[in-house]
């Protein structure tokens, strides 16, 4: 591989690695992020509310 190929490969791999590292850091370091987590069991859709009113 020539020099240009090495430069492009290093920039591409470095960019993806940097983006992954930044995303992992944001997930771990954001304070209070656990209060904003929701599962599908926490979400009440309008049809569930209607069913509860009928019961």
PDB file of N, CA and C in Angstrom:
ATOM      1  N   UNK A   1       0.862  -1.168   0.000  1.00  0.00           N
ATOM      2  CA  UNK A   1       0.000   0.000   0.000  1.00  0.00           C
ATOM      3  C   UNK A   1       0.910   1.233   0.000  1.00  0.00           C
ATOM      4  N   UNK A   2       0.494   2.235  -0.742  1.00  0.00           N
ATOM      5  CA  UNK A   2       1.322   3.436  -0.819  1.00  0.00           C
ATOM      6  C   UNK A   2       1.025   4.388   0.346  1.00  0.00           C
ATOM      7  N   UNK A   3       1.723   5.493   0.401  1.00  0.00           N
ATOM      8  CA  UNK A   3       1.628   6.435   1.521  1.00  0.00           C
ATOM      9  C   UNK A   3       0.227   7.036   1.641  1.00  0.00           C
ATOM     10  N   UNK A   4      -0.383   7.360   0.518  1.00  0.00           N
ATOM     11  CA  UNK A   4      -1.733   7.924   0.548  1.00  0.00           C
ATOM     12  C   UNK A   4      -2.744   6.959   1.137  1.00  0.00           C
ATOM     13  N   UNK A   5      -2.605   5.687   0.809  1.00  0.00           N
ATOM     14  CA  UNK A   5      -3.501   4.671   1.363  1.00  0.00           C
ATOM     15  C   UNK A   5      -3.364   4.549   2.865  1.00  0.00           C
ATOM     16  N   UNK A   6      -2.110   4.592   3.341  1.00  0.00           N
ATOM     17  CA  UNK A   6      -1.873   4.524   4.789  1.00  0.00           C
ATOM     18  C   UNK A   6      -2.475   5.730   5.503  1.00  0.00           C
ATOM     19  N   UNK A   7      -2.348   6.898   4.904  1.00  0.00           N
ATOM     20  CA  UNK A   7      -2.895   8.115   5.523  1.00  0.00           C
ATOM     21  C   UNK A   7      -4.410   8.029   5.607  1.00  0.00           C
ATOM     22  N   UNK A   8      -5.048   7.619   4.527  1.00  0.00           N
ATOM     23  CA  UNK A   8      -6.511   7.500   4.517  1.00  0.00           C
ATOM     24  C   UNK A   8      -6.968   6.450   5.517  1.00  0.00           C
ATOM     25  N   UNK A   9      -6.275   5.313   5.568  1.00  0.00           N
ATOM     26  CA  UNK A   9      -6.662   4.254   6.496  1.00  0.00           C
ATOM     27  C   UNK A   9      -6.501   4.707   7.942  1.00  0.00           C
ATOM     28  N   UNK A  10      -5.401   5.363   8.264  1.00  0.00           N
ATOM     29  CA  UNK A  10      -5.174   5.828   9.637  1.00  0.00           C
ATOM     30  C   UNK A  10      -6.208   6.877  10.027  1.00  0.00           C
ATOM     31  N   UNK A  11      -6.527   7.793   9.119  1.00  0.00           N
ATOM     32  CA  UNK A  11      -7.549   8.801   9.418  1.00  0.00           C
ATOM     33  C   UNK A  11      -8.925   8.167   9.615  1.00  0.00           C
ATOM     34  N   UNK A  12      -9.265   7.198   8.779  1.00  0.00           N
ATOM     35  CA  UNK A  12     -10.575   6.555   8.886  1.00  0.00           C
ATOM     36  C   UNK A  12     -10.690   5.753  10.178  1.00  0.00           C
ATOM     37  N   UNK A  13      -9.704   4.928  10.459  1.00  0.00           N
ATOM     38  CA  UNK A  13      -9.744   4.111  11.674  1.00  0.00           C
ATOM     39  C   UNK A  13      -9.670   5.003  12.908  1.00  0.00           C
ATOM     40  N   UNK A  14      -8.839   6.031  12.867  1.00  0.00           N
ATOM     41  CA  UNK A  14      -8.737   6.962  13.988  1.00  0.00           C
ATOM     42  C   UNK A  14     -10.030   7.728  14.219  1.00  0.00           C
ATOM     43  N   UNK A  15     -10.693   8.130  13.136  1.00  0.00           N
ATOM     44  CA  UNK A  15     -11.959   8.851  13.272  1.00  0.00           C
ATOM     45  C   UNK A  15     -13.052   7.997  13.876  1.00  0.00           C
ATOM     46  N   UNK A  16     -13.171   6.763  13.420  1.00  0.00           N
ATOM     47  CA  UNK A  16     -14.189   5.861  13.957  1.00  0.00           C
ATOM     48  C   UNK A  16     -13.889   5.521  15.409  1.00  0.00           C
ATOM     49  N   UNK A  17     -12.615   5.287  15.725  1.00  0.00           N
ATOM     50  CA  UNK A  17     -12.229   4.992  17.107  1.00  0.00           C
ATOM     51  C   UNK A  17     -12.494   6.191  18.012  1.00  0.00           C
ATOM     52  N   UNK A  18     -12.189   7.387  17.526  1.00  0.00           N
ATOM     53  CA  UNK A  18     -12.462   8.596  18.299  1.00  0.00           C
ATOM     54  C   UNK A  18     -13.949   8.798  18.540  1.00  0.00           C
ATOM     55  N   UNK A  19     -14.765   8.568  17.523  1.00  0.00           N
ATOM     56  CA  UNK A  19     -16.211   8.708  17.677  1.00  0.00           C
ATOM     57  C   UNK A  19     -16.759   7.690  18.669  1.00  0.00           C
ATOM     58  N   UNK A  20     -16.304   6.457  18.594  1.00  0.00           N
ATOM     59  CA  UNK A  20     -16.729   5.431  19.542  1.00  0.00           C
ATOM     60  C   UNK A  20     -16.324   5.814  20.961  1.00  0.00           C
ATOM     61  N   UNK A  21     -15.101   6.282  21.125  1.00  0.00           N
ATOM     62  CA  UNK A  21     -14.627   6.678  22.456  1.00  0.00           C
ATOM     63  C   UNK A  21     -15.455   7.826  23.015  1.00  0.00           C
ATOM     64  N   UNK A  22     -15.767   8.810  22.181  1.00  0.00           N
ATOM     65  CA  UNK A  22     -16.562   9.951  22.625  1.00  0.00           C
ATOM     66  C   UNK A  22     -17.964   9.500  23.039  1.00  0.00           C
ATOM     67  N   UNK A  23     -18.579   8.607  22.267  1.00  0.00           N
ATOM     68  CA  UNK A  23     -19.922   8.114  22.596  1.00  0.00           C
ATOM     69  C   UNK A  23     -19.919   7.343  23.912  1.00  0.00           C
ATOM     70  N   UNK A  24     -18.935   6.487  24.110  1.00  0.00           N
ATOM     71  CA  UNK A  24     -18.850   5.726  25.359  1.00  0.00           C
ATOM     72  C   UNK A  24     -18.631   6.676  26.527  1.00  0.00           C
ATOM     73  N   UNK A  25     -17.775   7.672  26.365  1.00  0.00           N
ATOM     74  CA  UNK A  25     -17.535   8.662  27.418  1.00  0.00           C
ATOM     75  C   UNK A  25     -18.823   9.407  27.771  1.00  0.00           C
ATOM     76  N   UNK A  26     -19.580   9.838  26.759  1.00  0.00           N
ATOM     77  CA  UNK A  26     -20.821  10.578  27.012  1.00  0.00           C
ATOM     78  C   UNK A  26     -21.833   9.718  27.754  1.00  0.00           C
ATOM     79  N   UNK A  27     -21.914   8.449  27.434  1.00  0.00           N
ATOM     80  CA  UNK A  27     -22.855   7.555  28.104  1.00  0.00           C
ATOM     81  C   UNK A  27     -22.455   7.354  29.553  1.00  0.00           C
ATOM     82  N   UNK A  28     -21.169   7.192  29.805  1.00  0.00           N
ATOM     83  CA  UNK A  28     -20.703   6.911  31.162  1.00  0.00           C
ATOM     84  C   UNK A  28     -20.636   8.171  32.019  1.00  0.00           C
ATOM     85  N   UNK A  29     -20.207   9.293  31.454  1.00  0.00           N
ATOM     86  CA  UNK A  29     -19.901  10.482  32.246  1.00  0.00           C
ATOM     87  C   UNK A  29     -21.077  11.437  32.435  1.00  0.00           C
ATOM     88  N   UNK A  30     -22.176  11.267  31.738  1.00  0.00           N
ATOM     89  CA  UNK A  30     -23.293  12.195  31.862  1.00  0.00           C
ATOM     90  C   UNK A  30     -23.979  11.982  33.205  1.00  0.00           C
ATOM     91  N   UNK A  31     -23.978  13.009  34.080  1.00  0.00           N
ATOM     92  CA  UNK A  31     -24.607  12.833  35.395  1.00  0.00           C
ATOM     93  C   UNK A  31     -26.128  12.792  35.279  1.00  0.00           C
ATOM     94  N   UNK A  32     -26.743  11.961  36.075  1.00  0.00           N
ATOM     95  CA  UNK A  32     -28.197  11.870  36.096  1.00  0.00           C
ATOM     96  C   UNK A  32     -28.804  11.183  34.896  1.00  0.00           C
ATOM     97  N   UNK A  33     -28.009  10.508  34.108  1.00  0.00           N
ATOM     98  CA  UNK A  33     -28.559   9.882  32.906  1.00  0.00           C
ATOM     99  C   UNK A  33     -29.454   8.693  33.234  1.00  0.00           C
ATOM    100  N   UNK A  34     -29.289   8.101  34.423  1.00  0.00           N
ATOM    101  CA  UNK A  34     -30.114   6.944  34.762  1.00  0.00           C
ATOM    102  C   UNK A  34     -31.566   7.337  34.997  1.00  0.00           C
ATOM    103  N   UNK A  35     -31.828   8.592  35.348  1.00  0.00           N
ATOM    104  CA  UNK A  35     -33.212   9.022  35.542  1.00  0.00           C
ATOM    105  C   UNK A  35     -33.951   9.156  34.217  1.00  0.00           C
ATOM    106  N   UNK A  36     -33.213   9.270  33.113  1.00  0.00           N
ATOM    107  CA  UNK A  36     -33.839   9.465  31.809  1.00  0.00           C
ATOM    108  C   UNK A  36     -34.005   8.166  31.030  1.00  0.00           C
ATOM    109  N   UNK A  37     -33.588   7.059  31.614  1.00  0.00           N
ATOM    110  CA  UNK A  37     -33.725   5.779  30.926  1.00  0.00           C
ATOM    111  C   UNK A  37     -35.157   5.266  31.058  1.00  0.00           C
ATOM    112  N   UNK A  38     -35.691   4.770  29.983  1.00  0.00           N
ATOM    113  CA  UNK A  38     -37.045   4.226  29.983  1.00  0.00           C
ATOM    114  C   UNK A  38     -37.038   2.895  29.253  1.00  0.00           C
ATOM    115  N   UNK A  39     -37.874   2.014  29.706  1.00  0.00           N
ATOM    116  CA  UNK A  39     -38.057   0.768  28.973  1.00  0.00           C
ATOM    117  C   UNK A  39     -39.445   0.795  28.350  1.00  0.00           C
ATOM    118  N   UNK A  40     -39.731  -0.159  27.511  1.00  0.00           N
ATOM    119  CA  UNK A  40     -41.043  -0.188  26.878  1.00  0.00           C
ATOM    120  C   UNK A  40     -42.141  -0.455  27.899  1.00  0.00           C
ATOM    121  N   UNK A  41     -41.790  -1.039  29.045  1.00  0.00           N
ATOM    122  CA  UNK A  41     -42.788  -1.289  30.084  1.00  0.00           C
ATOM    123  C   UNK A  41     -43.203   0.009  30.780  1.00  0.00           C
ATOM    124  N   UNK A  42     -42.374   1.052  30.718  1.00  0.00           N
ATOM    125  CA  UNK A  42     -42.681   2.327  31.361  1.00  0.00           C
ATOM    126  C   UNK A  42     -43.606   3.203  30.525  1.00  0.00           C
ATOM    127  N   UNK A  43     -43.748   2.905  29.264  1.00  0.00           N
ATOM    128  CA  UNK A  43     -44.499   3.757  28.355  1.00  0.00           C
ATOM    129  C   UNK A  43     -45.953   3.304  28.327  1.00  0.00           C
ATOM    130  N   UNK A  44     -46.855   4.244  28.594  1.00  0.00           N
ATOM    131  CA  UNK A  44     -48.282   3.937  28.516  1.00  0.00           C
ATOM    132  C   UNK A  44     -48.855   4.613  27.277  1.00  0.00           C
ATOM    133  N   UNK A  45     -49.355   3.818  26.370  1.00  0.00           N
ATOM    134  CA  UNK A  45     -49.932   4.342  25.147  1.00  0.00           C
ATOM    135  C   UNK A  45     -51.400   4.686  25.378  1.00  0.00           C
ATOM    136  N   UNK A  46     -51.992   5.484  24.508  1.00  0.00           N
ATOM    137  CA  UNK A  46     -53.397   5.870  24.701  1.00  0.00           C
ATOM    138  C   UNK A  46     -54.356   4.688  24.778  1.00  0.00           C
ATOM    139  N   UNK A  47     -54.101   3.608  24.055  1.00  0.00           N
ATOM    140  CA  UNK A  47     -55.015   2.471  24.113  1.00  0.00           C
ATOM    141  C   UNK A  47     -54.966   1.786  25.475  1.00  0.00           C
ATOM    142  N   UNK A  48     -53.827   1.825  26.160  1.00  0.00           N
ATOM    143  CA  UNK A  48     -53.736   1.253  27.501  1.00  0.00           C
ATOM    144  C   UNK A  48     -54.566   2.089  28.465  1.00  0.00           C
ATOM    145  N   UNK A  49     -54.500   3.409  28.322  1.00  0.00           N
ATOM    146  CA  UNK A  49     -55.287   4.291  29.182  1.00  0.00           C
ATOM    147  C   UNK A  49     -56.783   4.059  28.969  1.00  0.00           C
ATOM    148  N   UNK A  50     -57.202   3.853  27.712  1.00  0.00           N
ATOM    149  CA  UNK A  50     -58.613   3.597  27.430  1.00  0.00           C
ATOM    150  C   UNK A  50     -59.060   2.272  28.036  1.00  0.00           C
ATOM    151  N   UNK A  51     -58.209   1.256  27.955  1.00  0.00           N
ATOM    152  CA  UNK A  51     -58.539  -0.044  28.537  1.00  0.00           C
ATOM    153  C   UNK A  51     -58.680   0.054  30.051  1.00  0.00           C
ATOM    154  N   UNK A  52     -57.846   0.861  30.692  1.00  0.00           N
ATOM    155  CA  UNK A  52     -57.929   1.025  32.143  1.00  0.00           C
ATOM    156  C   UNK A  52     -59.218   1.742  32.535  1.00  0.00           C
ATOM    157  N   UNK A  53     -59.673   2.686  31.709  1.00  0.00           N
ATOM    158  CA  UNK A  53     -60.916   3.406  31.997  1.00  0.00           C
ATOM    159  C   UNK A  53     -62.126   2.484  31.853  1.00  0.00           C
ATOM    160  N   UNK A  54     -62.054   1.538  30.911  1.00  0.00           N
ATOM    161  CA  UNK A  54     -63.175   0.637  30.687  1.00  0.00           C
ATOM    162  C   UNK A  54     -63.300  -0.405  31.795  1.00  0.00           C
ATOM    163  N   UNK A  55     -62.198  -0.738  32.445  1.00  0.00           N
ATOM    164  CA  UNK A  55     -62.230  -1.764  33.501  1.00  0.00           C
ATOM    165  C   UNK A  55     -62.750  -1.206  34.750  1.00  0.00           C
TER     166      UNK A  55
END
